[in-house]
Every structure is written in structure tokens, then in C-alpha cells.
C-alpha atoms as a PDB file:
ATOM      1  CA  MET A   1       0.000   0.000   0.000  1.00  0.00           C
ATOM      2  CA  SER A   2       1.546   3.296  -1.063  1.00  0.00           C
ATOM      3  CA  SER A   3       1.003   6.666   0.581  1.00  0.00           C
ATOM      4  CA  PRO A   4       0.526  10.067  -1.102  1.00  0.00           C
ATOM      5  CA  VAL A   5       4.085  10.883  -0.037  1.00  0.00           C
ATOM      6  CA  ASP A   6       5.393   7.759  -1.793  1.00  0.00           C
ATOM      7  CA  ASN A   7       3.418   8.555  -4.950  1.00  0.00           C
ATOM      8  CA  ARG A   8       4.624  12.140  -5.160  1.00  0.00           C
ATOM      9  CA  ILE A   9       8.240  11.127  -4.649  1.00  0.00           C
ATOM     10  CA  LYS A  10       7.905   8.391  -7.300  1.00  0.00           C
ATOM     11  CA  ASP A  11       6.748  11.018  -9.798  1.00  0.00           C
ATOM     12  CA  THR A  12      10.075  12.841  -9.433  1.00  0.00           C
ATOM     13  CA  ARG A  13      12.067   9.712 -10.328  1.00  0.00           C
ATOM     14  CA  GLN A  14      11.276  10.250 -13.987  1.00  0.00           C
ATOM     15  CA  ARG A  15      13.563  13.312 -13.926  1.00  0.00           C
ATOM     16  CA  PRO A  16      17.273  13.545 -13.040  1.00  0.00           C
ATOM     17  CA  PRO A  17      17.596  13.673  -9.246  1.00  0.00           C
ATOM     18  CA  GLU A  18      17.997  17.018  -7.548  1.00  0.00           C
ATOM     19  CA  PRO A  19      21.273  17.517  -5.643  1.00  0.00           C
ATOM     20  CA  VAL A  20      21.328  16.582  -1.955  1.00  0.00           C
ATOM     21  CA  LEU A  21      22.296  20.075  -0.823  1.00  0.00           C
ATOM     22  CA  ALA A  22      20.916  23.440  -1.885  1.00  0.00           C
ATOM     23  CA  GLY A  23      23.757  25.827  -1.139  1.00  0.00           C
ATOM     24  CA  SER A  24      24.421  27.289   2.287  1.00  0.00           C
ATOM     25  CA  LYS A  25      22.321  28.897   4.966  1.00  0.00           C
ATOM     26  CA  SER A  26      22.625  32.664   5.111  1.00  0.00           C
ATOM     27  CA  SER A  27      24.273  34.457   8.014  1.00  0.00           C
ATOM     28  CA  ALA A  28      20.820  35.599   9.124  1.00  0.00           C
ATOM     29  CA  GLN A  29      19.544  31.993   9.165  1.00  0.00           C
ATOM     30  CA  ILE A  30      22.551  30.835  11.188  1.00  0.00           C
ATOM     31  CA  PHE A  31      21.998  33.678  13.660  1.00  0.00           C
ATOM     32  CA  LEU A  32      18.335  32.744  14.121  1.00  0.00           C
ATOM     33  CA  VAL A  33      19.182  29.064  14.603  1.00  0.00           C
ATOM     34  CA  LYS A  34      21.682  29.992  17.307  1.00  0.00           C
ATOM     35  CA  LEU A  35      19.161  32.338  18.901  1.00  0.00           C
ATOM     36  CA  PHE A  36      16.417  29.694  19.003  1.00  0.00           C
ATOM     37  CA  ALA A  37      18.805  26.981  20.243  1.00  0.00           C
ATOM     38  CA  ILE A  38      20.909  28.883  22.760  1.00  0.00           C
ATOM     39  CA  VAL A  39      18.477  31.286  24.463  1.00  0.00           C
ATOM     40  CA  PRO A  40      15.996  28.573  25.575  1.00  0.00           C
ATOM     41  CA  ALA A  41      18.935  26.331  26.564  1.00  0.00           C
ATOM     42  CA  VAL A  42      20.436  29.048  28.782  1.00  0.00           C
ATOM     43  CA  THR A  43      16.995  29.589  30.246  1.00  0.00           C
ATOM     44  CA  LEU A  44      16.688  25.878  31.011  1.00  0.00           C
ATOM     45  CA  ALA A  45      20.086  25.907  32.738  1.00  0.00           C
ATOM     46  CA  ALA A  46      18.863  28.753  34.931  1.00  0.00           C
ATOM     47  CA  THR A  47      15.644  27.054  36.030  1.00  0.00           C
ATOM     48  CA  VAL A  48      17.009  25.224  39.079  1.00  0.00           C
ATOM     49  CA  PRO A  49      18.300  28.286  40.980  1.00  0.00           C
ATOM     50  CA  LEU A  50      15.388  30.402  39.797  1.00  0.00           C
ATOM     51  CA  ALA A  51      12.817  27.793  40.812  1.00  0.00           C
ATOM     52  CA  TRP A  52      14.198  27.798  44.362  1.00  0.00           C
ATOM     53  CA  GLY A  53      11.695  30.098  45.985  1.00  0.00           C
ATOM     54  CA  TRP A  54      10.893  32.075  42.849  1.00  0.00           C
ATOM     55  CA  GLY A  55       7.968  32.261  40.482  1.00  0.00           C
ATOM     56  CA  LEU A  56       7.014  28.637  39.886  1.00  0.00           C
ATOM     57  CA  GLY A  57       3.420  27.738  40.619  1.00  0.00           C
ATOM     58  CA  TRP A  58       0.920  25.068  39.650  1.00  0.00           C
ATOM     59  CA  LEU A  59      -0.467  27.309  36.911  1.00  0.00           C
ATOM     60  CA  ASP A  60       2.982  27.584  35.327  1.00  0.00           C
ATOM     61  CA  ILE A  61       3.426  23.818  35.519  1.00  0.00           C
ATOM     62  CA  GLY A  62      -0.009  23.228  34.001  1.00  0.00           C
ATOM     63  CA  LEU A  63       0.539  25.683  31.148  1.00  0.00           C
ATOM     64  CA  ALA A  64       4.015  24.289  30.458  1.00  0.00           C
ATOM     65  CA  ALA A  65       2.661  20.714  30.369  1.00  0.00           C
ATOM     66  CA  PHE A  66      -0.181  21.731  28.059  1.00  0.00           C
ATOM     67  CA  PHE A  67       1.962  23.615  25.545  1.00  0.00           C
ATOM     68  CA  TYR A  68       4.692  20.949  25.714  1.00  0.00           C
ATOM     69  CA  THR A  69       2.159  18.236  24.884  1.00  0.00           C
ATOM     70  CA  VAL A  70       0.513  20.152  22.017  1.00  0.00           C
ATOM     71  CA  THR A  71       3.757  21.218  20.343  1.00  0.00           C
ATOM     72  CA  SER A  72       5.467  17.874  20.957  1.00  0.00           C
ATOM     73  CA  LEU A  73       2.578  16.010  19.324  1.00  0.00           C
ATOM     74  CA  GLY A  74       2.775  18.469  16.448  1.00  0.00           C
ATOM     75  CA  VAL A  75       6.342  17.275  15.886  1.00  0.00           C
ATOM     76  CA  THR A  76       5.935  13.558  16.605  1.00  0.00           C
ATOM     77  CA  ILE A  77       2.626  12.952  14.849  1.00  0.00           C
ATOM     78  CA  GLY A  78       2.700  15.846  12.390  1.00  0.00           C
ATOM     79  CA  PHE A  79       6.214  16.670  11.230  1.00  0.00           C
ATOM     80  CA  HIS A  80       7.540  13.147  11.731  1.00  0.00           C
ATOM     81  CA  ARG A  81       5.028  10.351  11.280  1.00  0.00           C
ATOM     82  CA  TYR A  82       2.655  12.146   8.908  1.00  0.00           C
ATOM     83  CA  PHE A  83       4.557  14.701   6.835  1.00  0.00           C
ATOM     84  CA  THR A  84       7.919  12.896   6.701  1.00  0.00           C
ATOM     85  CA  HIS A  85       6.822   9.272   6.454  1.00  0.00           C
ATOM     86  CA  GLY A  86       3.180   9.271   5.348  1.00  0.00           C
ATOM     87  CA  ALA A  87       2.134   6.877   8.136  1.00  0.00           C
ATOM     88  CA  PHE A  88      -1.514   7.841   7.562  1.00  0.00           C
ATOM     89  CA  THR A  89      -3.723  10.110   5.477  1.00  0.00           C
ATOM     90  CA  ALA A  90      -5.177  13.174   7.218  1.00  0.00           C
ATOM     91  CA  THR A  91      -8.118  15.445   6.532  1.00  0.00           C
ATOM     92  CA  ARG A  92      -7.212  18.970   5.462  1.00  0.00           C
ATOM     93  CA  GLY A  93      -8.122  20.398   8.865  1.00  0.00           C
ATOM     94  CA  LEU A  94      -5.981  17.898  10.756  1.00  0.00           C
ATOM     95  CA  ARG A  95      -3.140  18.377   8.269  1.00  0.00           C
ATOM     96  CA  ILE A  96      -3.043  22.147   8.824  1.00  0.00           C
ATOM     97  CA  ALA A  97      -3.466  21.796  12.603  1.00  0.00           C
ATOM     98  CA  LEU A  98      -0.525  19.376  12.803  1.00  0.00           C
ATOM     99  CA  ALA A  99       1.633  21.678  10.685  1.00  0.00           C
ATOM    100  CA  VAL A 100       0.830  24.659  12.925  1.00  0.00           C
ATOM    101  CA  ALA A 101       1.341  22.733  16.188  1.00  0.00           C
ATOM    102  CA  GLY A 102       4.683  21.339  14.981  1.00  0.00           C
ATOM    103  CA  SER A 103       5.855  24.783  13.886  1.00  0.00           C
ATOM    104  CA  MET A 104       5.123  26.103  17.385  1.00  0.00           C
ATOM    105  CA  ALA A 105       7.788  23.725  18.743  1.00  0.00           C
ATOM    106  CA  LEU A 106      10.355  26.174  17.303  1.00  0.00           C
ATOM    107  CA  GLN A 107      12.384  23.451  15.560  1.00  0.00           C
ATOM    108  CA  GLY A 108      12.418  25.266  12.230  1.00  0.00           C
ATOM    109  CA  PRO A 109       9.998  25.675   9.327  1.00  0.00           C
ATOM    110  CA  ILE A 110       8.118  22.511   8.434  1.00  0.00           C
ATOM    111  CA  ILE A 111       9.632  22.028   4.958  1.00  0.00           C
ATOM    112  CA  ASP A 112      13.210  22.313   6.242  1.00  0.00           C
ATOM    113  CA  TRP A 113      12.431  19.908   9.108  1.00  0.00           C
ATOM    114  CA  VAL A 114      10.931  17.274   6.822  1.00  0.00           C
ATOM    115  CA  ALA A 115      13.681  17.594   4.204  1.00  0.00           C
ATOM    116  CA  ASP A 116      16.381  17.145   6.862  1.00  0.00           C
ATOM    117  CA  HIS A 117      14.657  14.117   8.349  1.00  0.00           C
ATOM    118  CA  ARG A 118      14.052  12.379   5.025  1.00  0.00           C
ATOM    119  CA  ARG A 119      17.729  12.943   4.234  1.00  0.00           C
ATOM    120  CA  HIS A 120      18.596  11.418   7.618  1.00  0.00           C
ATOM    121  CA  HIS A 121      16.684   8.249   6.747  1.00  0.00           C
ATOM    122  CA  ALA A 122      18.188   8.091   3.264  1.00  0.00           C
ATOM    123  CA  TYR A 123      21.751   8.140   4.664  1.00  0.00           C
ATOM    124  CA  ALA A 124      21.298   7.103   8.308  1.00  0.00           C
ATOM    125  CA  ASP A 125      24.691   6.839  10.045  1.00  0.00           C
ATOM    126  CA  ARG A 126      26.491   7.068   6.694  1.00  0.00           C
ATOM    127  CA  ASP A 127      28.005   9.879   4.660  1.00  0.00           C
ATOM    128  CA  GLY A 128      25.181  12.290   3.918  1.00  0.00           C
ATOM    129  CA  ASP A 129      23.368  11.899   7.243  1.00  0.00           C
ATOM    130  CA  PRO A 130      22.970  15.456   8.588  1.00  0.00           C
ATOM    131  CA  HIS A 131      23.302  14.428  12.244  1.00  0.00           C
ATOM    132  CA  SER A 132      24.903  11.040  12.844  1.00  0.00           C
ATOM    133  CA  PRO A 133      26.839  10.731  16.142  1.00  0.00           C
ATOM    134  CA  TRP A 134      29.201   8.302  14.375  1.00  0.00           C
ATOM    135  CA  ARG A 135      30.362  10.993  11.940  1.00  0.00           C
ATOM    136  CA  PHE A 136      33.856  11.318  13.433  1.00  0.00           C
ATOM    137  CA  GLY A 137      34.680   7.696  14.236  1.00  0.00           C
ATOM    138  CA  THR A 138      34.360   5.248  17.118  1.00  0.00           C
ATOM    139  CA  SER A 139      37.070   6.315  19.555  1.00  0.00           C
ATOM    140  CA  ALA A 140      35.988   7.795  22.898  1.00  0.00           C
ATOM    141  CA  ARG A 141      37.009  11.290  21.801  1.00  0.00           C
ATOM    142  CA  ALA A 142      35.271  10.902  18.434  1.00  0.00           C
ATOM    143  CA  LEU A 143      32.060   9.743  20.090  1.00  0.00           C
ATOM    144  CA  VAL A 144      32.030  12.687  22.513  1.00  0.00           C
ATOM    145  CA  LYS A 145      32.436  14.992  19.524  1.00  0.00           C
ATOM    146  CA  GLY A 146      29.829  12.994  17.613  1.00  0.00           C
ATOM    147  CA  PHE A 147      27.334  13.185  20.455  1.00  0.00           C
ATOM    148  CA  TRP A 148      27.590  16.986  20.558  1.00  0.00           C
ATOM    149  CA  TYR A 149      27.313  17.178  16.767  1.00  0.00           C
ATOM    150  CA  ALA A 150      24.239  14.908  16.579  1.00  0.00           C
ATOM    151  CA  HIS A 151      22.577  16.574  19.531  1.00  0.00           C
ATOM    152  CA  MET A 152      22.775  20.184  18.386  1.00  0.00           C
ATOM    153  CA  GLY A 153      26.095  20.984  16.695  1.00  0.00           C
ATOM    154  CA  TRP A 154      24.741  20.066  13.258  1.00  0.00           C
ATOM    155  CA  LEU A 155      22.194  22.890  13.524  1.00  0.00           C
ATOM    156  CA  PHE A 156      24.997  25.422  13.194  1.00  0.00           C
ATOM    157  CA  GLU A 157      26.324  23.979   9.924  1.00  0.00           C
ATOM    158  CA  ARG A 158      25.798  26.132   6.838  1.00  0.00           C
ATOM    159  CA  GLU A 159      24.874  23.287   4.472  1.00  0.00           C
ATOM    160  CA  GLN A 160      21.211  23.380   3.453  1.00  0.00           C
ATOM    161  CA  THR A 161      19.287  20.201   2.642  1.00  0.00           C
ATOM    162  CA  ASN A 162      17.674  20.488  -0.791  1.00  0.00           C
ATOM    163  CA  ALA A 163      13.899  20.517  -0.281  1.00  0.00           C
ATOM    164  CA  LYS A 164      13.347  20.075  -4.030  1.00  0.00           C
ATOM    165  CA  ARG A 165      14.886  16.626  -3.702  1.00  0.00           C
ATOM    166  CA  PHE A 166      13.609  15.553  -0.277  1.00  0.00           C
ATOM    167  CA  ALA A 167      10.270  17.373   0.119  1.00  0.00           C
ATOM    168  CA  PRO A 168       8.820  18.075  -3.360  1.00  0.00           C
ATOM    169  CA  ASP A 169       5.341  17.080  -2.150  1.00  0.00           C
ATOM    170  CA  LEU A 170       5.346  19.792   0.520  1.00  0.00           C
ATOM    171  CA  LEU A 171       6.685  22.412  -1.886  1.00  0.00           C
ATOM    172  CA  ALA A 172       3.664  21.663  -4.088  1.00  0.00           C
ATOM    173  CA  ASP A 173       1.161  22.009  -1.225  1.00  0.00           C
ATOM    174  CA  ALA A 174      -0.294  25.528  -0.914  1.00  0.00           C
ATOM    175  CA  ASP A 175      -1.465  25.011   2.685  1.00  0.00           C
ATOM    176  CA  ILE A 176       1.933  23.816   3.853  1.00  0.00           C
ATOM    177  CA  LEU A 177       3.766  26.565   1.997  1.00  0.00           C
ATOM    178  CA  ARG A 178       1.580  29.080   3.836  1.00  0.00           C
ATOM    179  CA  VAL A 179       2.356  27.531   7.226  1.00  0.00           C
ATOM    180  CA  ASN A 180       6.041  27.385   6.280  1.00  0.00           C
ATOM    181  CA  ARG A 181       6.057  31.138   5.544  1.00  0.00           C
ATOM    182  CA  LEU A 182       4.250  31.830   8.839  1.00  0.00           C
ATOM    183  CA  PHE A 183       6.975  30.201  10.952  1.00  0.00           C
ATOM    184  CA  PRO A 184       8.279  33.543  12.376  1.00  0.00           C
ATOM    185  CA  ALA A 185       4.745  34.569  13.380  1.00  0.00           C
ATOM    186  CA  LEU A 186       4.052  31.137  14.896  1.00  0.00           C
ATOM    187  CA  THR A 187       7.271  31.450  16.889  1.00  0.00           C
ATOM    188  CA  VAL A 188       5.969  34.653  18.458  1.00  0.00           C
ATOM    189  CA  VAL A 189       2.568  33.056  19.120  1.00  0.00           C
ATOM    190  CA  SER A 190       4.178  30.008  20.740  1.00  0.00           C
ATOM    191  CA  LEU A 191       6.152  32.158  23.181  1.00  0.00           C
ATOM    192  CA  LEU A 192       3.525  34.791  23.939  1.00  0.00           C
ATOM    193  CA  LEU A 193       0.374  32.664  24.132  1.00  0.00           C
ATOM    194  CA  PRO A 194       1.403  31.097  27.471  1.00  0.00           C
ATOM    195  CA  ALA A 195       2.132  34.589  28.817  1.00  0.00           C
ATOM    196  CA  LEU A 196      -1.275  35.802  27.672  1.00  0.00           C
ATOM    197  CA  ALA A 197      -2.977  32.825  29.324  1.00  0.00           C
ATOM    198  CA  GLY A 198      -1.020  33.275  32.545  1.00  0.00           C
ATOM    199  CA  GLY A 199      -1.765  36.980  32.674  1.00  0.00           C
ATOM    200  CA  LEU A 200      -5.487  36.572  32.023  1.00  0.00           C
ATOM    201  CA  ILE A 201      -5.916  33.740  34.516  1.00  0.00           C
ATOM    202  CA  THR A 202      -4.068  35.527  37.331  1.00  0.00           C
ATOM    203  CA  LEU A 203      -5.026  39.053  36.223  1.00  0.00           C
ATOM    204  CA  SER A 204      -1.441  40.111  36.835  1.00  0.00           C
ATOM    205  CA  TRP A 205       1.743  40.988  34.948  1.00  0.00           C
ATOM    206  CA  TRP A 206       3.636  38.649  37.289  1.00  0.00           C
ATOM    207  CA  GLY A 207       1.485  35.738  36.179  1.00  0.00           C
ATOM    208  CA  ALA A 208       2.207  36.647  32.566  1.00  0.00           C
ATOM    209  CA  LEU A 209       5.957  36.859  33.229  1.00  0.00           C
ATOM    210  CA  THR A 210       6.261  33.516  35.023  1.00  0.00           C
ATOM    211  CA  ALA A 211       4.110  31.780  32.386  1.00  0.00           C
ATOM    212  CA  PHE A 212       6.315  33.248  29.638  1.00  0.00           C
ATOM    213  CA  PHE A 213       9.398  31.933  31.411  1.00  0.00           C
ATOM    214  CA  TRP A 214       8.196  28.427  32.300  1.00  0.00           C
ATOM    215  CA  ALA A 215       5.573  27.609  29.657  1.00  0.00           C
ATOM    216  CA  GLY A 216       7.374  29.604  26.969  1.00  0.00           C
ATOM    217  CA  LEU A 217      11.174  29.516  27.164  1.00  0.00           C
ATOM    218  CA  VAL A 218      11.709  26.547  29.486  1.00  0.00           C
ATOM    219  CA  ARG A 219       9.090  24.429  27.685  1.00  0.00           C
ATOM    220  CA  VAL A 220      10.745  25.110  24.299  1.00  0.00           C
ATOM    221  CA  ALA A 221      14.203  24.299  25.652  1.00  0.00           C
ATOM    222  CA  LEU A 222      13.056  21.016  27.211  1.00  0.00           C
ATOM    223  CA  LEU A 223      11.308  19.920  24.019  1.00  0.00           C
ATOM    224  CA  HIS A 224      14.363  20.864  21.948  1.00  0.00           C
ATOM    225  CA  HIS A 225      16.652  18.668  24.020  1.00  0.00           C
ATOM    226  CA  VAL A 226      14.241  15.743  24.106  1.00  0.00           C
ATOM    227  CA  THR A 227      13.938  15.849  20.297  1.00  0.00           C
ATOM    228  CA  TRP A 228      17.699  16.242  19.863  1.00  0.00           C
ATOM    229  CA  SER A 229      18.262  13.301  22.214  1.00  0.00           C
ATOM    230  CA  VAL A 230      16.521  11.050  19.699  1.00  0.00           C
ATOM    231  CA  ASN A 231      19.177  12.099  17.154  1.00  0.00           C
ATOM    232  CA  SER A 232      22.071  11.604  19.576  1.00  0.00           C
ATOM    233  CA  ILE A 233      21.311   9.148  22.400  1.00  0.00           C
ATOM    234  CA  CYS A 234      18.986   6.949  20.326  1.00  0.00           C
ATOM    235  CA  HIS A 235      21.739   6.362  17.760  1.00  0.00           C
ATOM    236  CA  MET A 236      24.319   5.476  20.402  1.00  0.00           C
ATOM    237  CA  ILE A 237      22.860   3.454  23.283  1.00  0.00           C
ATOM    238  CA  GLY A 238      19.842   1.252  23.887  1.00  0.00           C
ATOM    239  CA  ASP A 239      18.297  -1.980  22.619  1.00  0.00           C
ATOM    240  CA  ARG A 240      18.375  -3.022  18.962  1.00  0.00           C
ATOM    241  CA  PRO A 241      15.869  -5.886  18.643  1.00  0.00           C
ATOM    242  CA  PHE A 242      15.152  -5.199  14.966  1.00  0.00           C
ATOM    243  CA  THR A 243      17.367  -5.303  11.910  1.00  0.00           C
ATOM    244  CA  SER A 244      18.117  -1.894  10.383  1.00  0.00           C
ATOM    245  CA  ARG A 245      20.833  -0.402   8.191  1.00  0.00           C
ATOM    246  CA  ASP A 246      22.056   1.927  10.941  1.00  0.00           C
ATOM    247  CA  LYS A 247      22.808   2.152  14.655  1.00  0.00           C
ATOM    248  CA  SER A 248      19.355   3.324  15.797  1.00  0.00           C
ATOM    249  CA  ALA A 249      18.328   2.037  19.222  1.00  0.00           C
ATOM    250  CA  ASN A 250      15.311   1.885  21.520  1.00  0.00           C
ATOM    251  CA  PHE A 251      15.912   3.975  24.662  1.00  0.00           C
ATOM    252  CA  TRP A 252      13.039   3.423  27.106  1.00  0.00           C
ATOM    253  CA  PRO A 253      13.784   6.254  29.609  1.00  0.00           C
ATOM    254  CA  LEU A 254      12.765   8.832  26.984  1.00  0.00           C
ATOM    255  CA  ALA A 255       9.532   7.102  25.931  1.00  0.00           C
ATOM    256  CA  ILE A 256       7.125   9.388  27.785  1.00  0.00           C
ATOM    257  CA  LEU A 257       8.915  12.733  27.333  1.00  0.00           C
ATOM    258  CA  SER A 258       9.436  12.007  23.623  1.00  0.00           C
ATOM    259  CA  ILE A 259       5.768  10.922  23.259  1.00  0.00           C
ATOM    260  CA  GLY A 260       6.896   7.561  21.840  1.00  0.00           C
ATOM    261  CA  GLU A 261       9.760   8.684  19.580  1.00  0.00           C
ATOM    262  CA  SER A 262      12.549   6.983  21.539  1.00  0.00           C
ATOM    263  CA  TRP A 263      11.539   3.540  20.216  1.00  0.00           C
ATOM    264  CA  HIS A 264      13.944   4.494  17.477  1.00  0.00           C
ATOM    265  CA  ASN A 265      15.252   1.121  16.369  1.00  0.00           C
ATOM    266  CA  SER A 266      11.684  -0.039  15.808  1.00  0.00           C
ATOM    267  CA  HIS A 267      11.039   3.118  13.779  1.00  0.00           C
ATOM    268  CA  HIS A 268      14.117   2.739  11.572  1.00  0.00           C
ATOM    269  CA  ALA A 269      13.247  -0.901  10.956  1.00  0.00           C
ATOM    270  CA  ASP A 270       9.800   0.147   9.635  1.00  0.00           C
ATOM    271  CA  PRO A 271       9.848   3.938   9.025  1.00  0.00           C
ATOM    272  CA  THR A 272       6.314   4.336   7.637  1.00  0.00           C
ATOM    273  CA  CYS A 273       4.650   2.546  10.554  1.00  0.00           C
ATOM    274  CA  ALA A 274       2.329   4.761  12.624  1.00  0.00           C
ATOM    275  CA  ARG A 275       3.314   3.037  15.884  1.00  0.00           C
ATOM    276  CA  HIS A 276       6.928   3.102  17.058  1.00  0.00           C
ATOM    277  CA  GLY A 277       6.444   1.247  20.336  1.00  0.00           C
ATOM    278  CA  VAL A 278       5.484  -2.007  18.652  1.00  0.00           C
ATOM    279  CA  ARG A 279       6.306  -4.455  21.444  1.00  0.00           C
ATOM    280  CA  ARG A 280       4.371  -5.253  24.623  1.00  0.00           C
ATOM    281  CA  GLY A 281       4.747  -2.583  27.286  1.00  0.00           C
ATOM    282  CA  GLN A 282       6.269   0.057  24.986  1.00  0.00           C
ATOM    283  CA  ILE A 283       4.402   3.282  25.678  1.00  0.00           C
ATOM    284  CA  ASP A 284       3.625   5.281  22.537  1.00  0.00           C
ATOM    285  CA  ILE A 285       1.269   8.175  23.252  1.00  0.00           C
ATOM    286  CA  SER A 286       1.509   9.463  19.674  1.00  0.00           C
ATOM    287  CA  ALA A 287       0.238   6.168  18.280  1.00  0.00           C
ATOM    288  CA  ARG A 288      -2.705   6.201  20.689  1.00  0.00           C
ATOM    289  CA  LEU A 289      -3.701   9.681  19.509  1.00  0.00           C
ATOM    290  CA  ILE A 290      -3.432   8.597  15.863  1.00  0.00           C
ATOM    291  CA  TRP A 291      -5.788   5.722  16.787  1.00  0.00           C
ATOM    292  CA  ILE A 292      -8.246   8.289  18.186  1.00  0.00           C
ATOM    293  CA  PHE A 293      -7.935  10.376  15.006  1.00  0.00           C
ATOM    294  CA  GLU A 294      -8.727   7.230  13.022  1.00  0.00           C
ATOM    295  CA  LYS A 295     -11.837   6.515  15.099  1.00  0.00           C
ATOM    296  CA  LEU A 296     -13.001  10.118  14.550  1.00  0.00           C
ATOM    297  CA  GLY A 297     -12.505   9.775  10.787  1.00  0.00           C
ATOM    298  CA  TRP A 298      -9.768  12.421  10.692  1.00  0.00           C
ATOM    299  CA  ALA A 299      -7.042   9.889   9.839  1.00  0.00           C
ATOM    300  CA  THR A 300      -7.409   7.089   7.287  1.00  0.00           C
ATOM    301  CA  LYS A 301      -5.154   4.491   5.665  1.00  0.00           C
ATOM    302  CA  VAL A 302      -3.167   4.238   8.900  1.00  0.00           C
ATOM    303  CA  ARG A 303      -0.137   1.991   8.578  1.00  0.00           C
ATOM    304  CA  TRP A 304      -0.354  -0.042  11.759  1.00  0.00           C
ATOM    305  CA  PRO A 305       2.303  -2.678  12.594  1.00  0.00           C
ATOM    306  CA  ARG A 306       1.961  -5.992  10.790  1.00  0.00           C
ATOM    307  CA  SER A 307       3.039  -9.074  12.716  1.00  0.00           C
ATOM    308  CA  GLU A 308       4.547 -10.798   9.679  1.00  0.00           C
ATOM    309  CA  ARG A 309       6.691  -7.753   8.829  1.00  0.00           C
ATOM    310  CA  LEU A 310       7.856  -7.403  12.428  1.00  0.00           C
ATOM    311  CA  ALA A 311       8.752 -11.095  12.511  1.00  0.00           C
ATOM    312  CA  ARG A 312      10.944 -10.683   9.420  1.00  0.00           C
ATOM    313  CA  LYS A 313      12.736  -7.709  10.963  1.00  0.00           C
ATOM    314  CA  LEU A 314      13.160  -9.196  14.454  1.00  0.00           C
ATOM    315  CA  LYS A 315      16.671 -10.475  15.125  1.00  0.00           C
ATOM    316  CA  THR A 316      16.843 -14.176  16.033  1.00  0.00           C
ATOM    317  CA  ALA A 317      19.008 -15.442  18.851  1.00  0.00           C
ATOM    318  CA  GLU A 318      21.402 -17.029  16.324  1.00  0.00           C
ATOM    319  CA  GLY A 319      21.395 -14.189  13.821  1.00  0.00           C
ATOM    320  CA  ALA A 320      21.592 -11.226  16.201  1.00  0.00           C
ATOM    321  CA  PRO A 321      24.984  -9.519  16.139  1.00  0.00           C
END
């Protein structure tokens, strides 16, 4: 069964392939990447001393949890499982909502995100992978350097993944192009909406300020590092029960915070599957929400795990490396 993503990409195979890279990021783009990556990270580092007797209340925790969940699901279900891999077909309303929610995670415009991730799967842990932790070798020093690079160092590189090659379907979608162009505005909304909610609920500027700090900056920083940990940690340590072409691994401690994304070996073994936690006891909140979308009629043609495919991919006791 082929997805719309598969069909659109197949259409491009009749023409000579586009190059992998599309020039370099501009100085302005590099500056904005550093701004979005470093400022929330510094804020996160400051949370422990600031939280000690200062400005953290149940409202801030509730708002942070709410906006973390919405934007994280926008990335896991929207950017990743739907837009990158075509794990299901969505109604137009759900499609736009997922694109907006994912953009509010402040991980870059949707088309760039999808192009980078499709390139990652095309070259996973080989030359061409934009963020493999094995890029510099296997020595202890190389792996420390590789961890940093996979986690966030790659974001500061100037090379630009060619969306014409890796995301032609999104470039041809008017709704997604509109959301892509609105990324700066959605960034502002994502940071200020918690402040607005906090201010209105408490009827105070202090409530707005603490909500901006915790449910805005800290929430973005935490989600950034959880997502980046899938690129770094989940390609270095963990279980590898399934056969894949790379070093992807399942790392259970991140299962809840990543909303099911840390079952990464399972995902790389079957990238278009809507469920990543395919084994008993593997929590996958994103898959459960996709199931709800399916019951509501908002998602169709969902690619659920197939036992025969999993059996073929599962390493046997004799054949496991």
C-alpha cells in the first residue's frame, strides 16, 4: 500500500535527481538558529536556581505541560510520522493543525524539518546523514564529539538540505507553503500565548511573566533537548531488537517525554509505521492519539504494525549480532 508521499516522490524519479544540498544557509539563518537553540537552553540551565523560591506555581506547571504536549505532538505525529513518512492520510483540517502545532515547537519551518529528516533516513549513520553521532569515528574522543554534533552541533552547519529533492510534495502544497512562511509569526505566538494565558488567569503581569518563562522559554528548551536526544542518544545506546541499516536504538527512559519517539530502532526498521512502540509494554502516546484520530474519521489508511513484517525484521538469537 503506497502513501501520497510515496506517490509524489515516485513522480520525481522520472527526472534527473535534484542535488542533496541546496547551497548554504545565510548568516541571518545561522543567527536565528543559534538564537532559538541557545536562548531557551540558557533559560533551562537557569531554572534550578530560579525555581528555588521564585515564580514557579501550579499554573505555570499546568501551562508548560499543556503547551509541551501540544507542540510535541505536532512534531511527533505531524512533522515526523505524517509529513515525513506518510504513516496515515489526514483530513485537510488535521493536516493544517498538525503543521501549525509542529511549527510552534520552534524546531524550524516545516519544509526544512521534513527535508532534513528524510535525508537522515536516506543516509542514516552514513556519509550524507545530517546528524549522525558516528560521523567522526568510534574512539571515545570521536564519540564525545559525535554526540555533541548529533545533539545540536549540526544545527549550526551552513549546508542546506535540498527541499526540491527531499520534500517536493510539501513544496507543491499551498497550505503547507503558507504555514512554512508563517513560521516567524508562529514562533511569536508560541512564546507569547502562554504569557497571555497566565496573565489573564491571574489578572497580573507577574502571572504573565512567570508563564512566559516556564511555559514559553523553558518548555521550548526542554522539548528541543528531548527531540535532539533522539538524534544523539537513540543512535548510540539502547536496545536493537530489529534489523536496520544503521545504529538506531530503543531507549526506554525517553519514551514518555518524547511521546513515543525513543523507540527508534523499531522506527528505523519500519519507518512508515504509525506506531513506534510495537512491542508489549512500549508506551507510545503518539500512536494512541493517531488511533483516536482514526476513530473520529480524521485519519485514514493508517499503517499499523503488521506481525509478519515485524517477525521478518526481528533479530533471532542465532542471527543477532
